[in-house]
Amino acid sequence: MPKFTWITIFLSIFITVVVTEVVINEYTLNQTGSLAANVSQTETNINNENDTSVADIAALTTTDEKIEKNSTTANDQIIPIIDQPSITETILTSAKIANAVIKEIEFNGQMFDFLKIDFPSQYIIQQNIFSGQSYIGLAYEIHFQSPLDAEEYYMELKNKSAALDFAKVNENNSFGEKSFYINNKNKENTVFLICKVGTVIYGFNYPHSSHAIFKSIVAYFK
């Protein structure tokens, strides 16, 4: 075979190989770019989903916190215990008691001298109330941190009173939010009254003649 023919065949094969490599490289690059674009788009979508999930979780958490905060009702609201009496001479004057005078008495641990008070960490005060020199009655105050606490111990006092063998409980709620009388058969001329207003339980011990006065005092707080 002539030498020229061999050269022609060799060049044809060489050109074919080169063209094939170029085509293959170009195809590979296109496929790689397409794959990279798909991977990038997938990562972007995943990141967006994660961002959305985080945002959703944050929103739900915030909503839950708001719900929990708002779920605290007024009855369950915790407030500092007021370590001073609600009933003052100013209040008594507003209740139309002339020449109002208050004399504090050291609390001996019992209300009316027959109901033991063993509530922990509460502010308790006992006061005699006068109009000038005239005795009006005796007032107890037990202050609590929340209306629910006051409600709980109001019920406890009512149960303790009902268990007394010399007394009968008459709950008619005519004073404050809730109230009951303790009809003491040993002291029929004296009124024993317990009532609840907000975070305070009041106990009143007075002669029947002072009934309207104490009703006015309690009405001032309601």
N, C-alpha and C. Protein backbone atom coordinates (compact mmCIF):
# COMPACT_ATOMS: atom_id res chain seq x y z
N MET A 1 0.87 -1.19 0.00
CA MET A 1 0.00 0.00 0.00
C MET A 1 0.90 1.23 0.00
N PRO A 2 0.54 2.24 -0.80
CA PRO A 2 1.40 3.44 -0.88
C PRO A 2 1.47 4.15 0.47
N LYS A 3 2.59 4.82 0.68
CA LYS A 3 2.84 5.53 1.95
C LYS A 3 1.81 6.61 2.18
N PHE A 4 1.38 7.29 1.15
CA PHE A 4 0.40 8.37 1.28
C PHE A 4 -0.91 7.84 1.84
N THR A 5 -1.28 6.66 1.43
CA THR A 5 -2.54 6.06 1.89
C THR A 5 -2.49 5.79 3.39
N TRP A 6 -1.35 5.28 3.87
CA TRP A 6 -1.19 5.05 5.32
C TRP A 6 -1.30 6.35 6.11
N ILE A 7 -0.72 7.37 5.59
CA ILE A 7 -0.79 8.68 6.29
C ILE A 7 -2.23 9.16 6.38
N THR A 8 -2.95 9.00 5.28
CA THR A 8 -4.36 9.44 5.24
C THR A 8 -5.20 8.67 6.26
N ILE A 9 -4.98 7.35 6.31
CA ILE A 9 -5.74 6.53 7.27
C ILE A 9 -5.41 6.94 8.71
N PHE A 10 -4.14 7.17 9.00
CA PHE A 10 -3.72 7.55 10.35
C PHE A 10 -4.34 8.88 10.77
N LEU A 11 -4.32 9.86 9.84
CA LEU A 11 -4.91 11.17 10.15
C LEU A 11 -6.40 11.05 10.41
N SER A 12 -7.08 10.22 9.64
CA SER A 12 -8.53 10.04 9.81
C SER A 12 -8.84 9.47 11.20
N ILE A 13 -8.04 8.46 11.58
CA ILE A 13 -8.25 7.86 12.91
C ILE A 13 -7.97 8.88 14.01
N PHE A 14 -6.90 9.66 13.84
CA PHE A 14 -6.53 10.66 14.86
C PHE A 14 -7.63 11.71 15.02
N ILE A 15 -8.13 12.18 13.88
CA ILE A 15 -9.18 13.20 13.92
C ILE A 15 -10.43 12.65 14.59
N THR A 16 -10.77 11.40 14.28
CA THR A 16 -11.96 10.77 14.87
C THR A 16 -11.84 10.67 16.39
N VAL A 17 -10.65 10.27 16.85
CA VAL A 17 -10.41 10.15 18.29
C VAL A 17 -10.54 11.50 18.99
N VAL A 18 -9.92 12.52 18.38
CA VAL A 18 -9.95 13.87 18.98
C VAL A 18 -11.38 14.38 19.07
N VAL A 19 -12.13 14.24 17.98
CA VAL A 19 -13.52 14.72 17.96
C VAL A 19 -14.36 13.99 19.01
N THR A 20 -14.11 12.69 19.11
CA THR A 20 -14.86 11.89 20.11
C THR A 20 -14.59 12.35 21.53
N GLU A 21 -13.32 12.62 21.84
CA GLU A 21 -12.96 13.10 23.18
C GLU A 21 -13.60 14.44 23.49
N VAL A 22 -13.60 15.32 22.47
CA VAL A 22 -14.20 16.64 22.67
C VAL A 22 -15.68 16.51 22.99
N VAL A 23 -16.35 15.66 22.20
CA VAL A 23 -17.79 15.47 22.41
C VAL A 23 -18.08 14.89 23.80
N ILE A 24 -17.26 13.88 24.18
CA ILE A 24 -17.46 13.25 25.50
C ILE A 24 -17.22 14.24 26.63
N ASN A 25 -16.14 15.04 26.53
CA ASN A 25 -15.84 16.03 27.57
C ASN A 25 -16.95 17.06 27.71
N GLU A 26 -17.45 17.49 26.55
CA GLU A 26 -18.51 18.50 26.57
C GLU A 26 -19.78 17.95 27.21
N TYR A 27 -20.09 16.69 26.90
CA TYR A 27 -21.27 16.05 27.47
C TYR A 27 -21.13 15.90 28.99
N THR A 28 -19.93 15.51 29.40
CA THR A 28 -19.66 15.32 30.84
C THR A 28 -19.81 16.63 31.60
N LEU A 29 -19.27 17.70 31.02
CA LEU A 29 -19.38 19.01 31.67
C LEU A 29 -20.83 19.44 31.80
N ASN A 30 -21.60 19.21 30.75
CA ASN A 30 -23.01 19.58 30.79
C ASN A 30 -23.76 18.81 31.87
N GLN A 31 -23.45 17.50 31.94
CA GLN A 31 -24.12 16.66 32.94
C GLN A 31 -23.73 17.08 34.35
N THR A 32 -22.42 17.39 34.54
CA THR A 32 -21.94 17.82 35.86
C THR A 32 -22.58 19.12 36.29
N GLY A 33 -22.66 20.07 35.36
CA GLY A 33 -23.28 21.36 35.65
C GLY A 33 -24.74 21.21 36.01
N SER A 34 -25.41 20.34 35.24
CA SER A 34 -26.83 20.11 35.51
C SER A 34 -27.03 19.47 36.87
N LEU A 35 -26.16 18.47 37.20
CA LEU A 35 -26.25 17.81 38.50
C LEU A 35 -25.97 18.79 39.64
N ALA A 36 -24.94 19.63 39.45
CA ALA A 36 -24.60 20.63 40.47
C ALA A 36 -25.75 21.59 40.69
N ALA A 37 -26.39 21.98 39.59
CA ALA A 37 -27.53 22.90 39.69
C ALA A 37 -28.67 22.25 40.45
N ASN A 38 -28.91 20.96 40.15
CA ASN A 38 -29.98 20.24 40.85
C ASN A 38 -29.68 20.10 42.34
N VAL A 39 -28.40 19.76 42.65
CA VAL A 39 -28.00 19.63 44.05
C VAL A 39 -28.16 20.96 44.77
N SER A 40 -27.73 22.04 44.11
CA SER A 40 -27.82 23.37 44.71
C SER A 40 -29.27 23.74 44.97
N GLN A 41 -30.14 23.44 43.98
CA GLN A 41 -31.55 23.76 44.14
C GLN A 41 -32.18 22.94 45.28
N THR A 42 -31.76 21.66 45.35
CA THR A 42 -32.27 20.80 46.42
C THR A 42 -31.86 21.32 47.79
N GLU A 43 -30.57 21.71 47.90
CA GLU A 43 -30.09 22.25 49.18
C GLU A 43 -30.84 23.52 49.54
N THR A 44 -31.09 24.36 48.52
CA THR A 44 -31.83 25.60 48.76
C THR A 44 -33.22 25.30 49.28
N ASN A 45 -33.88 24.31 48.64
CA ASN A 45 -35.23 23.94 49.07
C ASN A 45 -35.23 23.41 50.50
N ILE A 46 -34.22 22.56 50.81
CA ILE A 46 -34.12 22.01 52.16
C ILE A 46 -33.90 23.11 53.18
N ASN A 47 -32.99 24.06 52.84
CA ASN A 47 -32.73 25.17 53.75
C ASN A 47 -33.98 26.00 53.99
N ASN A 48 -34.73 26.23 52.86
CA ASN A 48 -35.96 27.00 52.99
C ASN A 48 -36.96 26.28 53.88
N GLU A 49 -37.04 24.93 53.69
CA GLU A 49 -37.95 24.16 54.53
C GLU A 49 -37.53 24.22 55.99
N ASN A 50 -36.20 24.13 56.24
CA ASN A 50 -35.71 24.21 57.61
C ASN A 50 -36.00 25.56 58.22
N ASP A 51 -35.78 26.63 57.40
CA ASP A 51 -36.06 27.98 57.89
C ASP A 51 -37.53 28.11 58.24
N THR A 52 -38.39 27.55 57.36
CA THR A 52 -39.83 27.62 57.61
C THR A 52 -40.19 26.86 58.88
N SER A 53 -39.57 25.66 59.04
CA SER A 53 -39.85 24.85 60.23
C SER A 53 -39.44 25.59 61.49
N VAL A 54 -38.24 26.19 61.47
CA VAL A 54 -37.77 26.95 62.63
C VAL A 54 -38.70 28.11 62.92
N ALA A 55 -39.11 28.80 61.85
CA ALA A 55 -40.01 29.94 62.03
C ALA A 55 -41.35 29.47 62.59
N ASP A 56 -41.86 28.34 62.06
CA ASP A 56 -43.12 27.80 62.55
C ASP A 56 -43.02 27.42 64.02
N ILE A 57 -41.90 26.75 64.37
CA ILE A 57 -41.71 26.34 65.77
C ILE A 57 -41.64 27.56 66.68
N ALA A 58 -40.90 28.58 66.22
CA ALA A 58 -40.78 29.80 67.02
C ALA A 58 -42.14 30.45 67.21
N ALA A 59 -42.93 30.47 66.10
CA ALA A 59 -44.26 31.07 66.19
C ALA A 59 -45.15 30.29 67.15
N LEU A 60 -45.08 28.94 67.06
CA LEU A 60 -45.88 28.11 67.95
C LEU A 60 -45.47 28.30 69.40
N THR A 61 -44.14 28.39 69.62
CA THR A 61 -43.64 28.59 70.99
C THR A 61 -44.14 29.90 71.56
N THR A 62 -44.06 30.96 70.72
CA THR A 62 -44.53 32.27 71.17
C THR A 62 -46.01 32.22 71.48
N THR A 63 -46.78 31.54 70.60
CA THR A 63 -48.22 31.43 70.81
C THR A 63 -48.52 30.68 72.09
N ASP A 64 -47.79 29.57 72.32
CA ASP A 64 -48.00 28.79 73.54
C ASP A 64 -47.71 29.62 74.78
N GLU A 65 -46.61 30.42 74.70
CA GLU A 65 -46.26 31.26 75.85
C GLU A 65 -47.36 32.27 76.12
N LYS A 66 -47.92 32.85 75.03
CA LYS A 66 -48.98 33.83 75.20
C LYS A 66 -50.22 33.18 75.80
N ILE A 67 -50.55 31.96 75.30
CA ILE A 67 -51.72 31.26 75.82
C ILE A 67 -51.54 30.95 77.30
N GLU A 68 -50.33 30.46 77.64
CA GLU A 68 -50.05 30.12 79.03
C GLU A 68 -50.14 31.35 79.91
N LYS A 69 -49.62 32.47 79.39
CA LYS A 69 -49.64 33.71 80.17
C LYS A 69 -51.06 34.20 80.36
N ASN A 70 -51.87 34.13 79.26
CA ASN A 70 -53.22 34.63 79.33
C ASN A 70 -54.14 33.70 80.09
N SER A 71 -53.71 32.42 80.24
CA SER A 71 -54.57 31.46 80.93
C SER A 71 -54.63 31.71 82.43
N THR A 72 -53.72 32.54 82.93
CA THR A 72 -53.75 32.87 84.34
C THR A 72 -54.92 33.81 84.61
N THR A 73 -55.91 33.32 85.29
CA THR A 73 -57.09 34.12 85.53
C THR A 73 -56.88 35.04 86.70
N ALA A 74 -57.85 35.96 86.84
CA ALA A 74 -57.75 36.92 87.94
C ALA A 74 -57.78 36.21 89.28
N ASN A 75 -58.53 35.07 89.35
CA ASN A 75 -58.62 34.33 90.60
C ASN A 75 -57.31 33.67 90.98
N ASP A 76 -56.44 33.47 90.00
CA ASP A 76 -55.19 32.77 90.29
C ASP A 76 -54.00 33.72 90.28
N GLN A 77 -54.26 34.98 90.22
CA GLN A 77 -53.19 35.97 90.14
C GLN A 77 -52.45 36.06 91.47
N ILE A 78 -51.12 35.94 91.40
CA ILE A 78 -50.30 36.02 92.60
C ILE A 78 -49.88 37.47 92.83
N ILE A 79 -50.16 37.98 94.00
CA ILE A 79 -49.79 39.35 94.34
C ILE A 79 -49.07 39.33 95.68
N PRO A 80 -48.25 40.34 95.94
CA PRO A 80 -47.58 40.40 97.24
C PRO A 80 -48.61 40.54 98.37
N ILE A 81 -48.34 39.87 99.48
CA ILE A 81 -49.24 39.99 100.62
C ILE A 81 -49.11 41.39 101.21
N ILE A 82 -50.24 42.05 101.37
CA ILE A 82 -50.24 43.40 101.94
C ILE A 82 -50.11 43.27 103.45
N ASP A 83 -48.98 43.76 103.98
CA ASP A 83 -48.72 43.59 105.41
C ASP A 83 -49.19 44.80 106.21
N GLN A 84 -50.37 45.27 105.89
CA GLN A 84 -50.99 46.33 106.67
C GLN A 84 -52.50 46.13 106.60
N PRO A 85 -53.22 46.56 107.61
CA PRO A 85 -54.67 46.28 107.66
C PRO A 85 -55.45 47.00 106.56
N SER A 86 -56.52 46.34 106.12
CA SER A 86 -57.43 46.98 105.17
C SER A 86 -58.36 47.94 105.90
N ILE A 87 -58.75 47.55 107.10
CA ILE A 87 -59.66 48.37 107.89
C ILE A 87 -58.84 49.40 108.67
N THR A 88 -59.06 50.65 108.33
CA THR A 88 -58.36 51.76 108.99
C THR A 88 -59.38 52.75 109.52
N GLU A 89 -58.92 53.71 110.29
CA GLU A 89 -59.84 54.72 110.81
C GLU A 89 -60.43 55.54 109.67
N THR A 90 -59.66 55.74 108.60
CA THR A 90 -60.19 56.45 107.43
C THR A 90 -61.34 55.68 106.79
N ILE A 91 -61.15 54.36 106.68
CA ILE A 91 -62.21 53.51 106.12
C ILE A 91 -63.45 53.56 107.01
N LEU A 92 -63.24 53.50 108.30
CA LEU A 92 -64.37 53.53 109.24
C LEU A 92 -65.13 54.85 109.16
N THR A 93 -64.39 55.93 108.99
CA THR A 93 -65.03 57.23 108.83
C THR A 93 -65.86 57.26 107.54
N SER A 94 -65.31 56.66 106.47
CA SER A 94 -66.04 56.58 105.21
C SER A 94 -67.30 55.73 105.36
N ALA A 95 -67.27 54.78 106.30
CA ALA A 95 -68.43 53.93 106.56
C ALA A 95 -69.40 54.59 107.55
N LYS A 96 -69.22 55.89 107.77
CA LYS A 96 -70.13 56.69 108.60
C LYS A 96 -70.04 56.36 110.10
N ILE A 97 -68.84 55.95 110.53
CA ILE A 97 -68.63 55.72 111.96
C ILE A 97 -68.01 56.99 112.56
N ALA A 98 -68.74 57.63 113.45
CA ALA A 98 -68.26 58.89 114.03
C ALA A 98 -67.14 58.62 115.04
N ASN A 99 -66.14 59.51 115.00
CA ASN A 99 -65.01 59.41 115.94
C ASN A 99 -64.42 58.00 115.98
N ALA A 100 -64.14 57.48 114.80
CA ALA A 100 -63.64 56.10 114.69
C ALA A 100 -62.28 55.95 115.35
N VAL A 101 -62.15 54.89 116.13
CA VAL A 101 -60.90 54.57 116.82
C VAL A 101 -60.62 53.08 116.65
N ILE A 102 -59.37 52.76 116.35
CA ILE A 102 -58.96 51.36 116.21
C ILE A 102 -57.84 51.08 117.21
N LYS A 103 -57.97 49.96 117.90
CA LYS A 103 -56.93 49.52 118.83
C LYS A 103 -56.51 48.11 118.46
N GLU A 104 -55.26 47.98 118.03
CA GLU A 104 -54.77 46.66 117.62
C GLU A 104 -54.49 45.79 118.83
N ILE A 105 -54.81 44.51 118.68
CA ILE A 105 -54.58 43.52 119.74
C ILE A 105 -53.63 42.46 119.20
N GLU A 106 -52.76 41.97 120.06
CA GLU A 106 -51.85 40.91 119.64
C GLU A 106 -52.64 39.63 119.35
N PHE A 107 -52.45 39.09 118.17
CA PHE A 107 -53.19 37.89 117.77
C PHE A 107 -52.66 36.67 118.52
N ASN A 108 -53.57 35.91 119.12
CA ASN A 108 -53.17 34.78 119.97
C ASN A 108 -53.24 33.42 119.25
N GLY A 109 -53.47 33.46 117.93
CA GLY A 109 -53.50 32.20 117.17
C GLY A 109 -54.88 31.63 116.97
N GLN A 110 -55.91 32.29 117.57
CA GLN A 110 -57.27 31.80 117.42
C GLN A 110 -58.21 32.94 117.04
N MET A 111 -59.13 32.65 116.13
CA MET A 111 -60.17 33.60 115.79
C MET A 111 -61.37 33.33 116.69
N PHE A 112 -61.88 34.38 117.30
CA PHE A 112 -63.02 34.31 118.23
C PHE A 112 -62.70 33.45 119.47
N ASP A 113 -61.43 33.15 119.68
CA ASP A 113 -60.98 32.33 120.81
C ASP A 113 -61.44 30.87 120.73
N PHE A 114 -61.96 30.45 119.55
CA PHE A 114 -62.31 29.03 119.44
C PHE A 114 -61.98 28.43 118.06
N LEU A 115 -61.47 29.24 117.13
CA LEU A 115 -61.06 28.73 115.82
C LEU A 115 -59.56 28.91 115.66
N LYS A 116 -58.83 27.81 115.67
CA LYS A 116 -57.38 27.89 115.54
C LYS A 116 -57.01 28.26 114.10
N ILE A 117 -56.12 29.24 113.96
CA ILE A 117 -55.63 29.68 112.65
C ILE A 117 -54.19 29.20 112.50
N ASP A 118 -53.99 28.26 111.58
CA ASP A 118 -52.64 27.72 111.38
C ASP A 118 -52.21 27.82 109.92
N PHE A 119 -52.62 28.90 109.27
CA PHE A 119 -52.23 29.11 107.88
C PHE A 119 -50.79 29.62 107.85
N PRO A 120 -49.92 29.03 107.06
CA PRO A 120 -48.51 29.44 107.06
C PRO A 120 -48.26 30.75 106.31
N SER A 121 -47.36 31.54 106.85
CA SER A 121 -46.80 32.71 106.15
C SER A 121 -47.87 33.68 105.66
N GLN A 122 -48.87 33.96 106.49
CA GLN A 122 -49.88 34.93 106.11
C GLN A 122 -49.84 36.11 107.09
N TYR A 123 -50.37 37.23 106.61
CA TYR A 123 -50.44 38.41 107.47
C TYR A 123 -51.79 38.39 108.19
N ILE A 124 -51.75 38.39 109.50
CA ILE A 124 -52.97 38.33 110.31
C ILE A 124 -52.96 39.48 111.30
N ILE A 125 -54.10 40.15 111.41
CA ILE A 125 -54.20 41.25 112.36
C ILE A 125 -55.55 41.17 113.07
N GLN A 126 -55.55 41.62 114.32
CA GLN A 126 -56.75 41.63 115.15
C GLN A 126 -56.92 43.03 115.72
N GLN A 127 -58.13 43.62 115.57
CA GLN A 127 -58.34 45.00 115.99
C GLN A 127 -59.70 45.17 116.67
N ASN A 128 -59.70 45.95 117.73
CA ASN A 128 -60.96 46.39 118.34
C ASN A 128 -61.37 47.72 117.70
N ILE A 129 -62.66 47.86 117.43
CA ILE A 129 -63.16 49.06 116.76
C ILE A 129 -64.10 49.81 117.72
N PHE A 130 -63.89 51.12 117.79
CA PHE A 130 -64.69 51.96 118.67
C PHE A 130 -65.24 53.16 117.90
N SER A 131 -66.33 53.66 118.40
CA SER A 131 -66.83 54.96 117.97
C SER A 131 -66.74 55.86 119.20
N GLY A 132 -65.67 56.65 119.24
CA GLY A 132 -65.38 57.39 120.47
C GLY A 132 -65.02 56.39 121.55
N GLN A 133 -65.81 56.36 122.63
CA GLN A 133 -65.60 55.42 123.73
C GLN A 133 -66.50 54.18 123.62
N SER A 134 -67.38 54.20 122.64
CA SER A 134 -68.35 53.10 122.50
C SER A 134 -67.76 51.95 121.69
N TYR A 135 -67.85 50.76 122.24
CA TYR A 135 -67.31 49.58 121.56
C TYR A 135 -68.24 49.18 120.41
N ILE A 136 -67.64 48.99 119.22
CA ILE A 136 -68.41 48.59 118.04
C ILE A 136 -68.27 47.09 117.81
N GLY A 137 -67.04 46.59 117.87
CA GLY A 137 -66.84 45.17 117.64
C GLY A 137 -65.37 44.85 117.41
N LEU A 138 -65.12 43.58 117.10
CA LEU A 138 -63.77 43.07 116.89
C LEU A 138 -63.62 42.61 115.44
N ALA A 139 -62.49 42.94 114.84
CA ALA A 139 -62.26 42.57 113.43
C ALA A 139 -60.93 41.83 113.29
N TYR A 140 -60.97 40.74 112.54
CA TYR A 140 -59.77 39.99 112.16
C TYR A 140 -59.57 40.13 110.66
N GLU A 141 -58.31 40.17 110.26
CA GLU A 141 -57.99 40.15 108.83
C GLU A 141 -56.89 39.11 108.58
N ILE A 142 -57.11 38.25 107.59
CA ILE A 142 -56.08 37.29 107.17
C ILE A 142 -55.82 37.54 105.69
N HIS A 143 -54.61 37.96 105.37
CA HIS A 143 -54.27 38.32 103.99
C HIS A 143 -53.54 37.16 103.30
N PHE A 144 -53.90 36.93 102.03
CA PHE A 144 -53.31 35.85 101.24
C PHE A 144 -52.70 36.39 99.95
N GLN A 145 -51.95 35.52 99.26
CA GLN A 145 -51.30 35.94 98.02
C GLN A 145 -52.23 35.90 96.82
N SER A 146 -53.27 35.09 96.87
CA SER A 146 -54.17 34.99 95.72
C SER A 146 -55.59 34.74 96.21
N PRO A 147 -56.59 35.09 95.39
CA PRO A 147 -57.98 34.79 95.75
C PRO A 147 -58.24 33.30 95.92
N LEU A 148 -57.49 32.47 95.17
CA LEU A 148 -57.67 31.03 95.31
C LEU A 148 -57.23 30.54 96.69
N ASP A 149 -56.12 31.10 97.19
CA ASP A 149 -55.68 30.76 98.54
C ASP A 149 -56.73 31.18 99.57
N ALA A 150 -57.25 32.39 99.39
CA ALA A 150 -58.28 32.88 100.31
C ALA A 150 -59.52 31.99 100.25
N GLU A 151 -59.87 31.56 99.05
CA GLU A 151 -61.03 30.67 98.89
C GLU A 151 -60.81 29.34 99.61
N GLU A 152 -59.59 28.79 99.46
CA GLU A 152 -59.27 27.51 100.09
C GLU A 152 -59.40 27.59 101.61
N TYR A 153 -58.85 28.65 102.19
CA TYR A 153 -58.87 28.75 103.65
C TYR A 153 -60.22 29.23 104.18
N TYR A 154 -60.98 29.90 103.34
CA TYR A 154 -62.37 30.21 103.71
C TYR A 154 -63.14 28.91 103.91
N MET A 155 -62.97 27.98 102.97
CA MET A 155 -63.64 26.68 103.08
C MET A 155 -63.15 25.90 104.30
N GLU A 156 -61.85 26.01 104.57
CA GLU A 156 -61.30 25.32 105.74
C GLU A 156 -61.90 25.87 107.03
N LEU A 157 -62.03 27.19 107.10
CA LEU A 157 -62.63 27.79 108.30
C LEU A 157 -64.10 27.39 108.44
N LYS A 158 -64.79 27.31 107.32
CA LYS A 158 -66.20 26.90 107.38
C LYS A 158 -66.32 25.46 107.88
N ASN A 159 -65.45 24.60 107.39
CA ASN A 159 -65.47 23.20 107.83
C ASN A 159 -65.11 23.06 109.31
N LYS A 160 -64.10 23.84 109.74
CA LYS A 160 -63.73 23.82 111.16
C LYS A 160 -64.90 24.29 112.03
N SER A 161 -65.58 25.33 111.57
CA SER A 161 -66.71 25.87 112.34
C SER A 161 -67.85 24.86 112.41
N ALA A 162 -68.09 24.17 111.28
CA ALA A 162 -69.17 23.18 111.25
C ALA A 162 -68.89 21.99 112.16
N ALA A 163 -67.62 21.76 112.44
CA ALA A 163 -67.24 20.62 113.29
C ALA A 163 -67.35 20.93 114.78
N LEU A 164 -67.61 22.20 115.13
CA LEU A 164 -67.73 22.57 116.54
C LEU A 164 -69.03 22.02 117.11
N ASP A 165 -68.97 21.45 118.29
CA ASP A 165 -70.18 20.86 118.87
C ASP A 165 -71.10 21.89 119.51
N PHE A 166 -70.61 23.12 119.68
CA PHE A 166 -71.42 24.16 120.32
C PHE A 166 -71.89 25.22 119.32
N ALA A 167 -71.68 24.96 118.03
CA ALA A 167 -72.01 25.99 117.03
C ALA A 167 -72.66 25.39 115.79
N LYS A 168 -73.32 26.24 115.05
CA LYS A 168 -73.94 25.84 113.79
C LYS A 168 -73.61 26.88 112.73
N VAL A 169 -73.24 26.41 111.55
CA VAL A 169 -72.85 27.31 110.46
C VAL A 169 -74.08 27.69 109.63
N ASN A 170 -74.19 28.98 109.35
CA ASN A 170 -75.27 29.47 108.49
C ASN A 170 -74.63 30.31 107.38
N GLU A 171 -74.45 29.72 106.21
CA GLU A 171 -73.83 30.44 105.09
C GLU A 171 -74.92 31.06 104.22
N ASN A 172 -74.97 32.39 104.21
CA ASN A 172 -75.96 33.07 103.36
C ASN A 172 -75.33 34.07 102.41
N ASN A 173 -74.01 34.23 102.47
CA ASN A 173 -73.27 35.08 101.52
C ASN A 173 -73.80 36.51 101.44
N SER A 174 -74.26 37.04 102.54
CA SER A 174 -74.78 38.41 102.54
C SER A 174 -73.68 39.45 102.74
N PHE A 175 -72.46 38.99 103.06
CA PHE A 175 -71.32 39.89 103.24
C PHE A 175 -70.24 39.52 102.22
N GLY A 176 -69.69 40.53 101.55
CA GLY A 176 -68.58 40.30 100.62
C GLY A 176 -68.94 39.34 99.51
N GLU A 177 -67.93 38.57 99.06
CA GLU A 177 -68.15 37.59 98.00
C GLU A 177 -68.79 36.32 98.54
N LYS A 178 -68.34 35.93 99.75
CA LYS A 178 -68.89 34.76 100.43
C LYS A 178 -68.86 35.03 101.92
N SER A 179 -69.85 34.50 102.63
CA SER A 179 -69.85 34.72 104.08
C SER A 179 -70.72 33.68 104.78
N PHE A 180 -70.38 33.45 106.03
CA PHE A 180 -71.22 32.58 106.85
C PHE A 180 -71.18 33.05 108.31
N TYR A 181 -72.29 32.79 108.98
CA TYR A 181 -72.38 33.08 110.41
C TYR A 181 -72.05 31.81 111.19
N ILE A 182 -71.48 31.99 112.36
CA ILE A 182 -71.28 30.89 113.30
C ILE A 182 -72.22 31.16 114.48
N ASN A 183 -73.30 30.42 114.52
CA ASN A 183 -74.27 30.59 115.61
C ASN A 183 -73.78 29.83 116.84
N ASN A 184 -73.18 30.58 117.75
CA ASN A 184 -72.60 30.00 118.97
C ASN A 184 -73.68 29.95 120.05
N LYS A 185 -74.09 28.74 120.43
CA LYS A 185 -75.17 28.60 121.41
C LYS A 185 -74.76 29.09 122.80
N ASN A 186 -73.45 29.26 123.00
CA ASN A 186 -72.98 29.76 124.30
C ASN A 186 -72.97 31.29 124.35
N LYS A 187 -73.05 31.93 123.19
CA LYS A 187 -73.03 33.40 123.13
C LYS A 187 -74.06 33.86 122.10
N GLU A 188 -75.31 33.70 122.42
CA GLU A 188 -76.39 33.96 121.46
C GLU A 188 -76.58 35.45 121.19
N ASN A 189 -76.08 36.31 122.03
CA ASN A 189 -76.24 37.76 121.84
C ASN A 189 -75.09 38.38 121.06
N THR A 190 -74.18 37.54 120.61
CA THR A 190 -73.01 38.02 119.87
C THR A 190 -72.99 37.40 118.48
N VAL A 191 -72.64 38.23 117.50
CA VAL A 191 -72.54 37.76 116.11
C VAL A 191 -71.10 37.33 115.82
N PHE A 192 -70.96 36.17 115.21
CA PHE A 192 -69.66 35.69 114.73
C PHE A 192 -69.79 35.50 113.22
N LEU A 193 -69.04 36.28 112.49
CA LEU A 193 -69.20 36.30 111.03
C LEU A 193 -67.84 36.18 110.35
N ILE A 194 -67.77 35.35 109.32
CA ILE A 194 -66.55 35.22 108.51
C ILE A 194 -66.93 35.47 107.06
N CYS A 195 -66.14 36.32 106.38
CA CYS A 195 -66.42 36.61 104.98
C CYS A 195 -65.12 36.73 104.18
N LYS A 196 -65.25 36.59 102.88
CA LYS A 196 -64.09 36.68 101.98
C LYS A 196 -64.33 37.79 100.97
N VAL A 197 -63.31 38.62 100.78
CA VAL A 197 -63.33 39.65 99.74
C VAL A 197 -61.95 39.66 99.09
N GLY A 198 -61.87 39.25 97.84
CA GLY A 198 -60.59 39.23 97.13
C GLY A 198 -59.59 38.29 97.78
N THR A 199 -58.47 38.85 98.23
CA THR A 199 -57.42 38.03 98.85
C THR A 199 -57.45 38.09 100.38
N VAL A 200 -58.53 38.60 100.93
CA VAL A 200 -58.60 38.77 102.39
C VAL A 200 -59.82 38.03 102.96
N ILE A 201 -59.58 37.35 104.08
CA ILE A 201 -60.67 36.78 104.87
C ILE A 201 -60.84 37.66 106.10
N TYR A 202 -62.08 38.08 106.33
CA TYR A 202 -62.39 38.90 107.50
C TYR A 202 -63.19 38.07 108.50
N GLY A 203 -62.90 38.29 109.77
CA GLY A 203 -63.71 37.71 110.84
C GLY A 203 -64.21 38.83 111.73
N PHE A 204 -65.52 38.85 111.96
CA PHE A 204 -66.11 39.92 112.78
C PHE A 204 -66.86 39.32 113.97
N ASN A 205 -66.65 39.94 115.10
CA ASN A 205 -67.32 39.55 116.34
C ASN A 205 -67.91 40.83 116.94
N TYR A 206 -69.26 40.91 117.00
CA TYR A 206 -69.88 42.16 117.44
C TYR A 206 -71.28 41.89 118.00
N PRO A 207 -71.78 42.85 118.79
CA PRO A 207 -73.17 42.73 119.27
C PRO A 207 -74.14 42.98 118.11
N HIS A 208 -75.34 42.47 118.24
CA HIS A 208 -76.32 42.59 117.16
C HIS A 208 -76.56 44.05 116.77
N SER A 209 -76.41 44.95 117.71
CA SER A 209 -76.66 46.37 117.44
C SER A 209 -75.67 46.96 116.43
N SER A 210 -74.52 46.30 116.23
CA SER A 210 -73.50 46.83 115.31
C SER A 210 -73.58 46.19 113.91
N HIS A 211 -74.63 45.42 113.67
CA HIS A 211 -74.70 44.66 112.41
C HIS A 211 -74.63 45.58 111.18
N ALA A 212 -75.41 46.64 111.16
CA ALA A 212 -75.44 47.54 110.00
C ALA A 212 -74.09 48.20 109.78
N ILE A 213 -73.37 48.50 110.86
CA ILE A 213 -72.06 49.14 110.75
C ILE A 213 -71.07 48.21 110.04
N PHE A 214 -71.03 46.95 110.44
CA PHE A 214 -70.08 46.02 109.82
C PHE A 214 -70.48 45.69 108.37
N LYS A 215 -71.75 45.72 108.09
CA LYS A 215 -72.19 45.52 106.71
C LYS A 215 -71.67 46.67 105.83
N SER A 216 -71.69 47.89 106.37
CA SER A 216 -71.17 49.04 105.64
C SER A 216 -69.66 48.94 105.44
N ILE A 217 -68.95 48.43 106.45
CA ILE A 217 -67.49 48.28 106.34
C ILE A 217 -67.13 47.31 105.22
N VAL A 218 -67.79 46.16 105.20
CA VAL A 218 -67.50 45.14 104.18
C VAL A 218 -67.90 45.65 102.80
N ALA A 219 -69.00 46.37 102.71
CA ALA A 219 -69.45 46.90 101.42
C ALA A 219 -68.41 47.84 100.82
N TYR A 220 -67.62 48.48 101.66
CA TYR A 220 -66.59 49.39 101.17
C TYR A 220 -65.52 48.65 100.36
N PHE A 221 -65.26 47.38 100.71
CA PHE A 221 -64.20 46.62 100.04
C PHE A 221 -64.71 45.82 98.84
N LYS A 222 -65.98 45.60 98.75
CA LYS A 222 -66.52 44.72 97.70
C LYS A 222 -66.46 45.41 96.34
